[in-house]
Amino acid sequence: MPSLKALRKRIATVRSTQQITKAMKMVAAAKLRRAQEAAERARPYAAKLAEMFAAVAAGVEPDSHPLLARREERRIDLVVMSSDRGLCGGYNATLFRHVGGWLRERTAQELAFVLVGRKGLEYYRRRGMAIVAHQLGILTTPPATMAATLVSELARRFERQETDAVFLVYNRFRSAISQTPSVVPLLPVAPPTVDRPPADYIFEPPRPELLARLLPRYLEALVTQALLEAIASEHAARMTAMDNATTNAADMIDTLTLSMNRARQATITKELMEVIGGAEALKG
């Protein structure tokens, strides 16, 4: 059994860790609330932009713009949105497992990765995957700025036929305790499905010219929405992980305290037995 000194030191260490995890949980909860609000504010813009894009694309041939061209999917770019830091439970591991399952279904295609987040970069670099671009600072860079950079690189590769399709992989935010890995096609651009038929607009400038201006903005809105979902999911996963860590620390403190009390009681009993034994020896 460990000594009393060792148990007291261990309890102090666990209690210090508990204070850190509790503080991290509170910080993550505050950031999660702001991330949820940002994602909710972006949805009306994305929905209206999708409606406008559907109306413009309805009367345009697929060959009228390079980003609409459909080719046989021999080369695929995968945009994986992970986190820069750890301490967020199974957030990254679940995402990477989902990507692994998706890749096993496409062994015949040539795959390349565009990575967002340090964890994804380290993970796929260790496995020798083809990485064509990466972005760090998902929590510190404005989502719209990062989305514009990503869309510019992805559209350039698609237009030069360096890739035949692009997919987004990220954790879709469901709730504070539920984040679902999702794979969403990005390129070639498919007209979104809307609940109602598109309105009959009179377009000025003509549809092809308007489509050329609208397509990059539509792609940026899709990537921005995915980034906002990923950010909210990361904060939710970190808050849940730190809450579990705080609870586990409390349970460990209770267990260690019980062990310390037992050790102290055993020490006291031993000393009493020695005193009584000595007294009996003197009497004899």
Protein backbone atom coordinates (compact mmCIF):
# COMPACT_ATOMS: atom_id res chain seq x y z
CA MET A 1 0.00 0.00 0.00
CA PRO A 2 1.34 3.50 -0.84
CA SER A 3 2.46 5.68 2.02
CA LEU A 4 0.34 8.48 3.47
CA LYS A 5 2.70 11.06 1.99
CA ALA A 6 2.41 9.56 -1.48
CA LEU A 7 -1.40 9.42 -1.26
CA ARG A 8 -1.66 13.04 -0.09
CA LYS A 9 0.59 14.15 -2.96
CA ARG A 10 -1.49 12.16 -5.45
CA ILE A 11 -4.75 13.68 -4.16
CA ALA A 12 -3.32 17.20 -4.46
CA THR A 13 -2.21 16.46 -8.04
CA VAL A 14 -5.61 15.10 -9.07
CA ARG A 15 -7.40 18.03 -7.42
CA SER A 16 -5.19 20.47 -9.37
CA THR A 17 -6.00 18.62 -12.60
CA GLN A 18 -9.69 18.75 -11.73
CA GLN A 19 -9.55 22.54 -11.40
CA ILE A 20 -7.93 22.79 -14.85
CA THR A 21 -10.48 20.53 -16.54
CA LYS A 22 -13.35 22.38 -14.87
CA ALA A 23 -12.02 25.72 -16.15
CA MET A 24 -11.55 24.28 -19.66
CA LYS A 25 -15.12 22.99 -19.61
CA MET A 26 -16.46 26.45 -18.74
CA VAL A 27 -14.37 28.10 -21.47
CA ALA A 28 -15.51 25.53 -24.05
CA ALA A 29 -19.15 26.03 -23.03
CA ALA A 30 -18.87 29.80 -23.54
CA LYS A 31 -17.18 29.33 -26.93
CA LEU A 32 -19.76 26.72 -27.95
CA ARG A 33 -22.59 29.17 -27.34
CA ARG A 34 -20.94 31.75 -29.59
CA ALA A 35 -20.16 29.13 -32.25
CA GLN A 36 -23.80 27.97 -32.28
CA GLU A 37 -25.00 31.53 -32.70
CA ALA A 38 -22.55 32.09 -35.58
CA ALA A 39 -23.73 28.93 -37.34
CA GLU A 40 -27.39 29.90 -36.90
CA ARG A 41 -26.76 33.43 -38.23
CA ALA A 42 -25.10 32.02 -41.36
CA ARG A 43 -27.98 29.69 -42.27
CA PRO A 44 -30.43 32.28 -43.70
CA TYR A 45 -27.72 33.67 -46.00
CA ALA A 46 -26.73 30.18 -47.16
CA ALA A 47 -30.37 29.23 -47.78
CA LYS A 48 -31.09 32.37 -49.81
CA LEU A 49 -27.89 31.95 -51.80
CA ALA A 50 -28.82 28.33 -52.55
CA GLU A 51 -32.26 29.44 -53.73
CA MET A 52 -30.72 32.07 -56.00
CA PHE A 53 -28.16 29.62 -57.37
CA ALA A 54 -30.91 27.06 -58.11
CA ALA A 55 -32.85 29.71 -60.03
CA VAL A 56 -29.79 30.72 -62.09
CA ALA A 57 -28.56 27.18 -62.73
CA ALA A 58 -32.01 25.96 -63.79
CA GLY A 59 -31.65 27.44 -67.27
CA VAL A 60 -27.94 26.85 -67.82
CA GLU A 61 -26.27 23.90 -69.52
CA PRO A 62 -23.76 21.94 -67.39
CA ASP A 63 -20.99 22.64 -69.90
CA SER A 64 -21.40 26.40 -69.57
CA HIS A 65 -18.95 26.64 -66.65
CA PRO A 66 -15.84 24.57 -65.74
CA LEU A 67 -17.01 24.05 -62.15
CA LEU A 68 -20.20 22.35 -63.38
CA ALA A 69 -18.40 19.86 -65.63
CA ARG A 70 -18.90 16.22 -64.66
CA ARG A 71 -16.11 13.75 -65.38
CA GLU A 72 -15.33 10.21 -64.46
CA GLU A 73 -14.08 10.28 -60.87
CA ARG A 74 -10.55 8.96 -61.24
CA ARG A 75 -8.88 11.55 -59.00
CA ILE A 76 -10.60 12.78 -55.85
CA ASP A 77 -9.66 15.57 -53.45
CA LEU A 78 -10.82 15.11 -49.87
CA VAL A 79 -11.08 18.20 -47.64
CA VAL A 80 -10.82 16.92 -44.05
CA MET A 81 -11.65 19.43 -41.28
CA SER A 82 -10.01 18.39 -38.00
CA SER A 83 -8.86 20.37 -34.95
CA ASP A 84 -5.57 22.10 -34.19
CA ARG A 85 -5.51 20.95 -30.55
CA GLY A 86 -6.39 17.81 -28.62
CA LEU A 87 -8.29 17.36 -25.35
CA CYS A 88 -11.56 17.02 -27.24
CA GLY A 89 -12.38 13.36 -26.68
CA GLY A 90 -12.94 11.24 -29.77
CA TYR A 91 -13.63 14.22 -32.04
CA ASN A 92 -10.68 13.62 -34.40
CA ALA A 93 -10.49 9.83 -34.01
CA THR A 94 -14.15 9.42 -35.00
CA LEU A 95 -13.64 11.65 -38.04
CA PHE A 96 -10.52 9.77 -39.17
CA ARG A 97 -12.25 6.40 -38.76
CA HIS A 98 -15.14 7.64 -40.90
CA VAL A 99 -12.69 8.80 -43.57
CA GLY A 100 -10.95 5.42 -43.44
CA GLY A 101 -14.24 3.60 -44.06
CA TRP A 102 -15.05 5.97 -46.94
CA LEU A 103 -11.62 5.40 -48.49
CA ARG A 104 -11.95 1.61 -48.35
CA GLU A 105 -14.91 1.92 -50.73
CA ARG A 106 -12.81 3.85 -53.26
CA THR A 107 -9.57 1.94 -53.58
CA ALA A 108 -9.58 2.30 -57.37
CA GLN A 109 -9.40 6.10 -57.34
CA GLU A 110 -6.37 8.32 -56.85
CA LEU A 111 -6.87 10.30 -53.66
CA ALA A 112 -5.35 13.57 -52.47
CA PHE A 113 -5.98 15.44 -49.23
CA VAL A 114 -6.63 19.10 -48.46
CA LEU A 115 -6.35 19.29 -44.68
CA VAL A 116 -7.73 21.81 -42.21
CA GLY A 117 -6.29 21.51 -38.71
CA ARG A 118 -2.99 20.35 -37.27
CA LYS A 119 -4.30 16.97 -36.06
CA GLY A 120 -5.37 15.93 -39.55
CA LEU A 121 -2.08 17.12 -41.04
CA GLU A 122 -0.04 15.08 -38.55
CA TYR A 123 -2.29 12.02 -38.90
CA TYR A 124 -2.19 11.76 -42.70
CA ARG A 125 1.43 12.86 -43.02
CA ARG A 126 2.47 9.95 -40.77
CA ARG A 127 0.56 7.59 -43.06
CA GLY A 128 2.22 8.87 -46.21
CA MET A 129 -0.93 10.26 -47.84
CA ALA A 130 -0.75 12.74 -50.74
CA ILE A 131 -1.33 16.20 -49.23
CA VAL A 132 -1.80 18.97 -51.78
CA ALA A 133 -2.67 21.80 -49.35
CA HIS A 134 -3.31 22.45 -45.68
CA GLN A 135 -4.67 25.22 -43.48
CA LEU A 136 -4.01 25.73 -39.77
CA GLY A 137 -5.74 27.97 -37.25
CA ILE A 138 -9.33 26.83 -37.67
CA LEU A 139 -10.28 28.51 -34.37
CA THR A 140 -8.27 31.70 -34.91
CA THR A 141 -8.86 32.42 -38.62
CA PRO A 142 -12.24 33.91 -39.64
CA PRO A 143 -14.23 31.13 -41.36
CA ALA A 144 -15.03 33.30 -44.38
CA THR A 145 -11.33 34.06 -44.93
CA MET A 146 -10.33 30.41 -44.66
CA ALA A 147 -13.22 29.37 -46.91
CA ALA A 148 -12.16 31.84 -49.62
CA THR A 149 -8.60 30.46 -49.55
CA LEU A 150 -9.77 26.85 -49.72
CA VAL A 151 -12.28 27.47 -52.51
CA SER A 152 -9.69 29.32 -54.57
CA GLU A 153 -7.26 26.36 -54.37
CA LEU A 154 -9.93 23.71 -54.96
CA ALA A 155 -11.51 25.54 -57.90
CA ARG A 156 -8.07 26.02 -59.49
CA ARG A 157 -7.29 22.31 -59.24
CA PHE A 158 -10.70 21.34 -60.61
CA GLU A 159 -10.57 23.76 -63.54
CA ARG A 160 -7.09 22.51 -64.50
CA GLN A 161 -8.44 18.94 -64.32
CA GLU A 162 -5.94 18.01 -61.60
CA THR A 163 -8.91 16.47 -59.80
CA ASP A 164 -12.29 15.16 -60.96
CA ALA A 165 -14.28 15.58 -57.74
CA VAL A 166 -13.97 17.27 -54.34
CA PHE A 167 -15.64 16.15 -51.11
CA LEU A 168 -15.89 17.90 -47.74
CA VAL A 169 -15.46 15.79 -44.59
CA TYR A 170 -16.34 17.37 -41.25
CA ASN A 171 -18.23 16.76 -38.01
CA ARG A 172 -21.79 18.01 -38.36
CA PHE A 173 -23.04 19.61 -35.15
CA ARG A 174 -26.18 17.98 -33.76
CA SER A 175 -26.07 18.87 -30.08
CA ALA A 176 -23.59 19.39 -27.27
CA ILE A 177 -23.23 15.61 -26.91
CA SER A 178 -23.67 14.51 -30.53
CA GLN A 179 -21.48 15.30 -33.55
CA THR A 180 -21.86 13.26 -36.74
CA PRO A 181 -19.06 12.79 -39.31
CA SER A 182 -20.36 13.77 -42.75
CA VAL A 183 -19.04 13.52 -46.32
CA VAL A 184 -20.52 16.17 -48.63
CA PRO A 185 -19.77 16.57 -52.37
CA LEU A 186 -18.46 20.03 -53.25
CA LEU A 187 -17.23 19.83 -56.85
CA PRO A 188 -18.55 19.51 -59.49
CA VAL A 189 -21.23 21.86 -58.25
CA ALA A 190 -24.70 20.33 -58.21
CA PRO A 191 -27.75 22.63 -58.16
CA PRO A 192 -29.26 22.48 -54.65
CA THR A 193 -32.68 21.04 -54.06
CA VAL A 194 -35.18 23.60 -52.83
CA ASP A 195 -38.57 23.04 -51.21
CA ARG A 196 -40.39 25.19 -53.73
CA PRO A 197 -39.86 25.76 -57.47
CA PRO A 198 -37.45 28.61 -58.22
CA ALA A 199 -38.98 31.97 -58.93
CA ASP A 200 -39.07 33.20 -62.51
CA TYR A 201 -36.47 35.98 -62.38
CA ILE A 202 -35.43 38.38 -65.12
CA PHE A 203 -31.63 38.20 -65.04
CA GLU A 204 -29.29 41.05 -65.82
CA PRO A 205 -26.48 40.33 -66.71
CA PRO A 206 -27.27 37.10 -68.63
CA ARG A 207 -27.37 33.75 -66.81
CA PRO A 208 -23.89 32.48 -67.81
CA GLU A 209 -22.18 35.68 -66.69
CA LEU A 210 -24.19 35.82 -63.47
CA LEU A 211 -23.43 32.14 -62.82
CA ALA A 212 -19.70 32.78 -63.15
CA ARG A 213 -19.96 35.40 -60.40
CA LEU A 214 -22.33 33.41 -58.23
CA LEU A 215 -20.53 30.04 -58.25
CA PRO A 216 -17.49 31.10 -56.16
CA ARG A 217 -19.76 32.76 -53.58
CA TYR A 218 -21.95 29.68 -53.40
CA LEU A 219 -18.93 27.43 -52.87
CA GLU A 220 -17.55 29.78 -50.20
CA ALA A 221 -20.92 29.68 -48.41
CA LEU A 222 -20.87 25.86 -48.40
CA VAL A 223 -17.31 25.70 -47.05
CA THR A 224 -18.00 28.45 -44.49
CA GLN A 225 -21.04 26.57 -43.22
CA ALA A 226 -18.96 23.38 -42.91
CA LEU A 227 -16.25 25.28 -40.99
CA LEU A 228 -18.81 26.76 -38.60
CA GLU A 229 -20.29 23.30 -38.00
CA ALA A 230 -16.80 21.87 -37.39
CA ILE A 231 -15.91 24.65 -34.95
CA ALA A 232 -19.14 24.20 -32.98
CA SER A 233 -18.58 20.42 -32.94
CA GLU A 234 -15.02 20.83 -31.63
CA HIS A 235 -16.13 23.09 -28.77
CA ALA A 236 -18.96 20.69 -27.91
CA ALA A 237 -16.62 17.69 -27.94
CA ARG A 238 -14.07 19.51 -25.76
CA MET A 239 -16.76 20.62 -23.29
CA THR A 240 -18.06 17.04 -23.00
CA ALA A 241 -14.55 15.60 -22.65
CA MET A 242 -13.60 18.08 -19.93
CA ASP A 243 -16.87 17.43 -18.08
CA ASN A 244 -16.11 13.70 -18.10
CA ALA A 245 -12.55 14.38 -16.98
CA THR A 246 -13.78 16.53 -14.09
CA THR A 247 -16.21 13.79 -13.01
CA ASN A 248 -13.50 11.14 -13.25
CA ALA A 249 -11.14 13.31 -11.19
CA ALA A 250 -13.78 13.63 -8.46
CA ASP A 251 -14.24 9.84 -8.41
CA MET A 252 -10.46 9.35 -8.23
CA ILE A 253 -10.17 11.81 -5.34
CA ASP A 254 -12.87 9.88 -3.44
CA THR A 255 -11.05 6.59 -4.05
CA LEU A 256 -7.68 8.01 -3.03
CA THR A 257 -9.17 9.64 0.07
CA LEU A 258 -10.65 6.29 1.12
CA SER A 259 -7.26 4.62 0.60
CA MET A 260 -5.55 7.37 2.59
CA ASN A 261 -8.00 6.99 5.48
CA ARG A 262 -7.45 3.24 5.50
CA ALA A 263 -3.68 3.69 5.49
CA ARG A 264 -3.87 6.21 8.31
CA GLN A 265 -6.14 3.90 10.32
CA ALA A 266 -3.74 1.02 9.76
CA THR A 267 -0.83 3.17 10.95
CA ILE A 268 -2.70 4.22 14.08
CA THR A 269 -3.70 0.62 14.82
CA LYS A 270 -0.11 -0.54 14.38
CA GLU A 271 1.18 2.14 16.77
CA LEU A 272 -1.46 1.23 19.36
CA MET A 273 -0.55 -2.44 19.14
CA GLU A 274 3.10 -1.57 19.65
CA VAL A 275 2.28 0.56 22.73
CA ILE A 276 0.04 -2.13 24.21
CA GLY A 277 2.60 -4.83 23.45
CA GLY A 278 5.33 -2.81 25.15
CA ALA A 279 3.15 -2.20 28.21
CA GLU A 280 2.31 -5.89 28.51
CA ALA A 281 5.99 -6.79 28.23
CA LEU A 282 6.84 -4.42 31.11
CA LYS A 283 4.12 -5.93 33.30
CA GLY A 284 5.41 -9.42 32.65
